[in-house]
Amino acid sequence: MHARIQDGKGRFIKGVLLAWIPFLLFLVPALANAFRGISSQKATGLGAVAGGLAEGFVVFGFAAVLISEVAAIVLLVRTLSTEHLGQSVLSVVSIFCSGLMLAILATFIWLAGVQH
C-alpha cells in the first residue's frame, strides 16, 4: 500500500511539473512580448499577437510543448482520487491548463497553415 501511495505521489508531481513548466516558460513571456510589440508598434490584430506567440513557440519548441502536455494529462488523470481532494483539484486545474496549451498550439498550427 505504501509503495502505491508513493507511486501515485510521484506521478502527481511529475504531471504537475509537466503541465506548468511549458505554461510558465512559454505562455507568460510570449504574451508579454506580444503585448509589448503591440504597444511599441501601435499595431492591433491577430498578426501582432501571432508574432509574439511564434517567437515563444520557436524558442521552446512545438514538440516539447506537445509531448510534455500530453504526458502531463496522462499522469494527472491517473492521480485523480476522491481520497485527496486538494490534489485532485490541483490536478484538474493543471489538466485544464494543459488542454489550453494544446488548444493554443493547435490554433497556432492551423493559423500558420491558413497563412500559407
N, C-alpha and C. Protein backbone atom coordinates (compact mmCIF):
# COMPACT_ATOMS: atom_id res chain seq x y z
N MET A 1 0.81 -1.19 0.00
CA MET A 1 0.00 0.00 0.00
C MET A 1 0.86 1.26 0.00
N HIS A 2 1.95 1.25 0.79
CA HIS A 2 2.83 2.41 0.89
C HIS A 2 3.51 2.70 -0.46
N ALA A 3 3.92 1.66 -1.16
CA ALA A 3 4.56 1.84 -2.47
C ALA A 3 3.57 2.42 -3.48
N ARG A 4 2.30 2.02 -3.39
CA ARG A 4 1.28 2.52 -4.30
C ARG A 4 1.04 4.02 -4.07
N ILE A 5 1.04 4.43 -2.81
CA ILE A 5 0.86 5.85 -2.49
C ILE A 5 2.03 6.66 -3.01
N GLN A 6 3.25 6.16 -2.82
CA GLN A 6 4.44 6.85 -3.30
C GLN A 6 4.45 6.95 -4.82
N ASP A 7 4.01 5.88 -5.49
CA ASP A 7 3.95 5.88 -6.95
C ASP A 7 2.95 6.92 -7.44
N GLY A 8 1.79 7.00 -6.79
CA GLY A 8 0.78 8.00 -7.16
C GLY A 8 1.27 9.40 -6.90
N LYS A 9 1.99 9.60 -5.81
CA LYS A 9 2.53 10.92 -5.49
C LYS A 9 3.59 11.34 -6.52
N GLY A 10 4.42 10.40 -6.94
CA GLY A 10 5.42 10.69 -7.97
C GLY A 10 4.78 11.06 -9.29
N ARG A 11 3.73 10.34 -9.67
CA ARG A 11 3.01 10.66 -10.91
C ARG A 11 2.39 12.05 -10.81
N PHE A 12 1.85 12.37 -9.63
CA PHE A 12 1.23 13.68 -9.44
C PHE A 12 2.26 14.79 -9.60
N ILE A 13 3.39 14.66 -8.95
CA ILE A 13 4.42 15.70 -9.01
C ILE A 13 4.95 15.85 -10.43
N LYS A 14 5.22 14.74 -11.10
CA LYS A 14 5.70 14.81 -12.48
C LYS A 14 4.65 15.42 -13.40
N GLY A 15 3.39 15.06 -13.19
CA GLY A 15 2.32 15.60 -14.01
C GLY A 15 2.15 17.09 -13.84
N VAL A 16 2.20 17.57 -12.58
CA VAL A 16 2.07 19.00 -12.32
C VAL A 16 3.25 19.76 -12.94
N LEU A 17 4.45 19.23 -12.79
CA LEU A 17 5.61 19.90 -13.39
C LEU A 17 5.51 19.95 -14.91
N LEU A 18 5.11 18.84 -15.52
CA LEU A 18 4.98 18.82 -16.98
C LEU A 18 3.86 19.74 -17.46
N ALA A 19 2.84 19.92 -16.65
CA ALA A 19 1.73 20.79 -17.05
C ALA A 19 2.09 22.26 -16.94
N TRP A 20 2.82 22.64 -15.89
CA TRP A 20 3.04 24.05 -15.62
C TRP A 20 4.32 24.61 -16.20
N ILE A 21 5.34 23.82 -16.41
CA ILE A 21 6.60 24.36 -16.93
C ILE A 21 6.42 24.98 -18.33
N PRO A 22 5.79 24.29 -19.28
CA PRO A 22 5.58 24.95 -20.58
C PRO A 22 4.68 26.17 -20.48
N PHE A 23 3.68 26.10 -19.61
CA PHE A 23 2.78 27.23 -19.43
C PHE A 23 3.55 28.45 -18.95
N LEU A 24 4.40 28.27 -17.95
CA LEU A 24 5.15 29.39 -17.39
C LEU A 24 6.29 29.83 -18.30
N LEU A 25 6.96 28.89 -18.97
CA LEU A 25 8.10 29.24 -19.81
C LEU A 25 7.70 29.77 -21.18
N PHE A 26 6.50 29.39 -21.64
CA PHE A 26 6.10 29.84 -22.97
C PHE A 26 5.03 30.91 -22.93
N LEU A 27 3.91 30.59 -22.32
CA LEU A 27 2.74 31.44 -22.47
C LEU A 27 2.92 32.81 -21.82
N VAL A 28 3.40 32.86 -20.62
CA VAL A 28 3.54 34.15 -19.93
C VAL A 28 4.52 35.07 -20.66
N PRO A 29 5.77 34.61 -20.97
CA PRO A 29 6.67 35.51 -21.69
C PRO A 29 6.20 35.84 -23.12
N ALA A 30 5.58 34.88 -23.79
CA ALA A 30 5.14 35.12 -25.17
C ALA A 30 4.03 36.16 -25.21
N LEU A 31 3.09 36.07 -24.29
CA LEU A 31 2.02 37.07 -24.27
C LEU A 31 2.55 38.44 -23.86
N ALA A 32 3.48 38.46 -22.92
CA ALA A 32 4.08 39.74 -22.53
C ALA A 32 4.82 40.36 -23.72
N ASN A 33 5.54 39.53 -24.47
CA ASN A 33 6.26 40.02 -25.65
C ASN A 33 5.28 40.50 -26.72
N ALA A 34 4.19 39.78 -26.90
CA ALA A 34 3.21 40.17 -27.91
C ALA A 34 2.58 41.52 -27.55
N PHE A 35 2.23 41.71 -26.30
CA PHE A 35 1.62 42.97 -25.91
C PHE A 35 2.61 44.12 -25.92
N ARG A 36 3.89 43.84 -25.63
CA ARG A 36 4.91 44.87 -25.76
C ARG A 36 5.05 45.30 -27.23
N GLY A 37 5.02 44.31 -28.13
CA GLY A 37 5.11 44.62 -29.56
C GLY A 37 3.92 45.42 -30.05
N ILE A 38 2.75 45.09 -29.53
CA ILE A 38 1.54 45.83 -29.92
C ILE A 38 1.66 47.28 -29.48
N SER A 39 2.10 47.50 -28.24
CA SER A 39 2.15 48.87 -27.73
C SER A 39 3.27 49.67 -28.39
N SER A 40 4.41 49.05 -28.68
CA SER A 40 5.51 49.81 -29.28
C SER A 40 5.27 50.11 -30.75
N GLN A 41 4.58 49.23 -31.46
CA GLN A 41 4.34 49.44 -32.89
C GLN A 41 2.96 50.03 -33.17
N LYS A 42 2.19 50.23 -32.13
CA LYS A 42 0.82 50.74 -32.27
C LYS A 42 0.01 49.86 -33.22
N ALA A 43 0.31 48.54 -33.16
CA ALA A 43 -0.37 47.60 -34.04
C ALA A 43 -1.44 46.85 -33.25
N THR A 44 -2.47 46.48 -33.94
CA THR A 44 -3.51 45.66 -33.33
C THR A 44 -3.84 44.53 -34.28
N GLY A 45 -4.54 43.58 -33.77
CA GLY A 45 -4.99 42.47 -34.60
C GLY A 45 -4.24 41.19 -34.33
N LEU A 46 -4.66 40.18 -35.05
CA LEU A 46 -4.12 38.84 -34.86
C LEU A 46 -2.66 38.74 -35.28
N GLY A 47 -2.26 39.48 -36.27
CA GLY A 47 -0.88 39.42 -36.74
C GLY A 47 0.12 39.88 -35.70
N ALA A 48 -0.25 40.88 -34.93
CA ALA A 48 0.66 41.37 -33.89
C ALA A 48 0.82 40.36 -32.77
N VAL A 49 -0.28 39.73 -32.37
CA VAL A 49 -0.22 38.73 -31.30
C VAL A 49 0.46 37.46 -31.81
N ALA A 50 0.20 37.09 -33.05
CA ALA A 50 0.80 35.87 -33.61
C ALA A 50 2.32 35.96 -33.67
N GLY A 51 2.85 37.15 -33.89
CA GLY A 51 4.31 37.31 -33.93
C GLY A 51 4.94 36.98 -32.58
N GLY A 52 4.34 37.46 -31.51
CA GLY A 52 4.85 37.15 -30.18
C GLY A 52 4.70 35.68 -29.84
N LEU A 53 3.58 35.08 -30.23
CA LEU A 53 3.37 33.66 -29.97
C LEU A 53 4.33 32.80 -30.80
N ALA A 54 4.58 33.20 -32.03
CA ALA A 54 5.51 32.45 -32.88
C ALA A 54 6.90 32.44 -32.27
N GLU A 55 7.32 33.57 -31.77
CA GLU A 55 8.65 33.63 -31.15
C GLU A 55 8.73 32.72 -29.93
N GLY A 56 7.68 32.69 -29.15
CA GLY A 56 7.66 31.81 -27.98
C GLY A 56 7.70 30.34 -28.36
N PHE A 57 6.94 29.96 -29.38
CA PHE A 57 6.93 28.56 -29.80
C PHE A 57 8.27 28.15 -30.42
N VAL A 58 8.91 29.04 -31.15
CA VAL A 58 10.19 28.70 -31.74
C VAL A 58 11.23 28.49 -30.66
N VAL A 59 11.21 29.34 -29.63
CA VAL A 59 12.19 29.23 -28.56
C VAL A 59 12.00 27.92 -27.80
N PHE A 60 10.80 27.60 -27.45
CA PHE A 60 10.57 26.40 -26.61
C PHE A 60 10.39 25.14 -27.44
N GLY A 61 9.81 25.26 -28.60
CA GLY A 61 9.68 24.11 -29.48
C GLY A 61 8.30 23.49 -29.45
N PHE A 62 7.79 23.25 -30.65
CA PHE A 62 6.47 22.63 -30.76
C PHE A 62 6.44 21.25 -30.12
N ALA A 63 7.43 20.46 -30.43
CA ALA A 63 7.44 19.07 -29.94
C ALA A 63 7.53 19.00 -28.43
N ALA A 64 8.32 19.85 -27.84
CA ALA A 64 8.45 19.84 -26.37
C ALA A 64 7.14 20.17 -25.70
N VAL A 65 6.43 21.14 -26.23
CA VAL A 65 5.14 21.52 -25.65
C VAL A 65 4.14 20.38 -25.81
N LEU A 66 4.06 19.83 -27.00
CA LEU A 66 3.11 18.76 -27.27
C LEU A 66 3.37 17.54 -26.39
N ILE A 67 4.60 17.09 -26.35
CA ILE A 67 4.95 15.89 -25.58
C ILE A 67 4.74 16.11 -24.09
N SER A 68 5.18 17.24 -23.58
CA SER A 68 5.06 17.47 -22.14
C SER A 68 3.61 17.64 -21.71
N GLU A 69 2.80 18.29 -22.51
CA GLU A 69 1.40 18.50 -22.13
C GLU A 69 0.60 17.19 -22.20
N VAL A 70 0.83 16.39 -23.21
CA VAL A 70 0.12 15.11 -23.29
C VAL A 70 0.56 14.19 -22.14
N ALA A 71 1.85 14.16 -21.85
CA ALA A 71 2.34 13.35 -20.73
C ALA A 71 1.76 13.85 -19.40
N ALA A 72 1.66 15.16 -19.25
CA ALA A 72 1.09 15.72 -18.02
C ALA A 72 -0.36 15.31 -17.85
N ILE A 73 -1.13 15.37 -18.92
CA ILE A 73 -2.54 14.99 -18.84
C ILE A 73 -2.67 13.52 -18.45
N VAL A 74 -1.87 12.66 -19.08
CA VAL A 74 -1.93 11.22 -18.77
C VAL A 74 -1.57 10.97 -17.31
N LEU A 75 -0.50 11.58 -16.84
CA LEU A 75 -0.08 11.38 -15.45
C LEU A 75 -1.10 11.94 -14.46
N LEU A 76 -1.64 13.10 -14.75
CA LEU A 76 -2.57 13.72 -13.82
C LEU A 76 -3.92 13.02 -13.78
N VAL A 77 -4.38 12.51 -14.90
CA VAL A 77 -5.65 11.77 -14.89
C VAL A 77 -5.52 10.52 -14.03
N ARG A 78 -4.36 9.90 -14.05
CA ARG A 78 -4.15 8.69 -13.25
C ARG A 78 -4.06 8.99 -11.75
N THR A 79 -3.87 10.25 -11.36
CA THR A 79 -3.77 10.57 -9.94
C THR A 79 -5.07 11.08 -9.34
N LEU A 80 -6.11 11.24 -10.14
CA LEU A 80 -7.38 11.71 -9.61
C LEU A 80 -7.96 10.68 -8.64
N SER A 81 -8.36 11.15 -7.47
CA SER A 81 -8.99 10.26 -6.49
C SER A 81 -9.86 11.10 -5.57
N THR A 82 -10.83 10.44 -4.96
CA THR A 82 -11.70 11.13 -4.02
C THR A 82 -11.07 11.23 -2.64
N GLU A 83 -10.01 10.49 -2.40
CA GLU A 83 -9.35 10.50 -1.10
C GLU A 83 -8.54 11.77 -0.87
N HIS A 84 -7.96 12.31 -1.91
CA HIS A 84 -7.11 13.51 -1.80
C HIS A 84 -7.75 14.63 -2.60
N LEU A 85 -8.65 15.36 -1.96
CA LEU A 85 -9.43 16.39 -2.66
C LEU A 85 -8.55 17.54 -3.17
N GLY A 86 -7.63 18.02 -2.35
CA GLY A 86 -6.76 19.12 -2.77
C GLY A 86 -5.89 18.75 -3.95
N GLN A 87 -5.35 17.54 -3.91
CA GLN A 87 -4.52 17.05 -5.01
C GLN A 87 -5.36 16.92 -6.27
N SER A 88 -6.58 16.44 -6.13
CA SER A 88 -7.45 16.27 -7.29
C SER A 88 -7.84 17.62 -7.91
N VAL A 89 -8.08 18.62 -7.06
CA VAL A 89 -8.41 19.95 -7.58
C VAL A 89 -7.23 20.53 -8.36
N LEU A 90 -6.02 20.41 -7.79
CA LEU A 90 -4.83 20.89 -8.50
C LEU A 90 -4.61 20.11 -9.79
N SER A 91 -4.91 18.82 -9.76
CA SER A 91 -4.78 18.00 -10.98
C SER A 91 -5.74 18.48 -12.06
N VAL A 92 -6.98 18.77 -11.68
CA VAL A 92 -7.97 19.22 -12.65
C VAL A 92 -7.58 20.58 -13.23
N VAL A 93 -7.10 21.50 -12.39
CA VAL A 93 -6.66 22.81 -12.88
C VAL A 93 -5.47 22.64 -13.81
N SER A 94 -4.55 21.76 -13.46
CA SER A 94 -3.38 21.52 -14.31
C SER A 94 -3.77 20.86 -15.62
N ILE A 95 -4.73 19.95 -15.59
CA ILE A 95 -5.23 19.33 -16.82
C ILE A 95 -5.88 20.39 -17.71
N PHE A 96 -6.62 21.30 -17.10
CA PHE A 96 -7.23 22.38 -17.87
C PHE A 96 -6.16 23.25 -18.54
N CYS A 97 -5.12 23.61 -17.80
CA CYS A 97 -4.03 24.42 -18.36
C CYS A 97 -3.31 23.67 -19.48
N SER A 98 -3.13 22.37 -19.31
CA SER A 98 -2.50 21.56 -20.37
C SER A 98 -3.38 21.55 -21.61
N GLY A 99 -4.69 21.40 -21.41
CA GLY A 99 -5.60 21.45 -22.54
C GLY A 99 -5.60 22.79 -23.23
N LEU A 100 -5.49 23.86 -22.45
CA LEU A 100 -5.40 25.20 -23.01
C LEU A 100 -4.14 25.36 -23.86
N MET A 101 -3.03 24.85 -23.35
CA MET A 101 -1.78 24.92 -24.12
C MET A 101 -1.90 24.13 -25.43
N LEU A 102 -2.52 22.96 -25.38
CA LEU A 102 -2.70 22.17 -26.59
C LEU A 102 -3.63 22.88 -27.58
N ALA A 103 -4.65 23.55 -27.06
CA ALA A 103 -5.56 24.31 -27.93
C ALA A 103 -4.83 25.48 -28.58
N ILE A 104 -3.98 26.17 -27.81
CA ILE A 104 -3.19 27.27 -28.37
C ILE A 104 -2.24 26.75 -29.45
N LEU A 105 -1.60 25.61 -29.18
CA LEU A 105 -0.70 25.01 -30.16
C LEU A 105 -1.45 24.63 -31.44
N ALA A 106 -2.62 24.01 -31.29
CA ALA A 106 -3.41 23.62 -32.46
C ALA A 106 -3.88 24.84 -33.24
N THR A 107 -4.30 25.89 -32.54
CA THR A 107 -4.74 27.12 -33.20
C THR A 107 -3.59 27.77 -33.96
N PHE A 108 -2.43 27.78 -33.34
CA PHE A 108 -1.26 28.38 -34.00
C PHE A 108 -0.90 27.60 -35.26
N ILE A 109 -0.90 26.28 -35.17
CA ILE A 109 -0.59 25.46 -36.35
C ILE A 109 -1.63 25.69 -37.43
N TRP A 110 -2.90 25.76 -37.05
CA TRP A 110 -3.96 25.99 -38.02
C TRP A 110 -3.79 27.36 -38.68
N LEU A 111 -3.51 28.38 -37.87
CA LEU A 111 -3.32 29.73 -38.43
C LEU A 111 -2.11 29.78 -39.35
N ALA A 112 -1.05 29.08 -38.98
CA ALA A 112 0.13 29.04 -39.84
C ALA A 112 -0.20 28.37 -41.16
N GLY A 113 -1.03 27.34 -41.13
CA GLY A 113 -1.45 26.67 -42.37
C GLY A 113 -2.32 27.55 -43.23
N VAL A 114 -3.18 28.34 -42.61
CA VAL A 114 -4.07 29.24 -43.35
C VAL A 114 -3.26 30.37 -44.00
N GLN A 115 -2.22 30.82 -43.32
CA GLN A 115 -1.40 31.92 -43.86
C GLN A 115 -0.64 31.49 -45.11
N HIS A 116 -0.30 30.21 -45.21
CA HIS A 116 0.49 29.76 -46.36
C HIS A 116 -0.44 29.22 -47.36
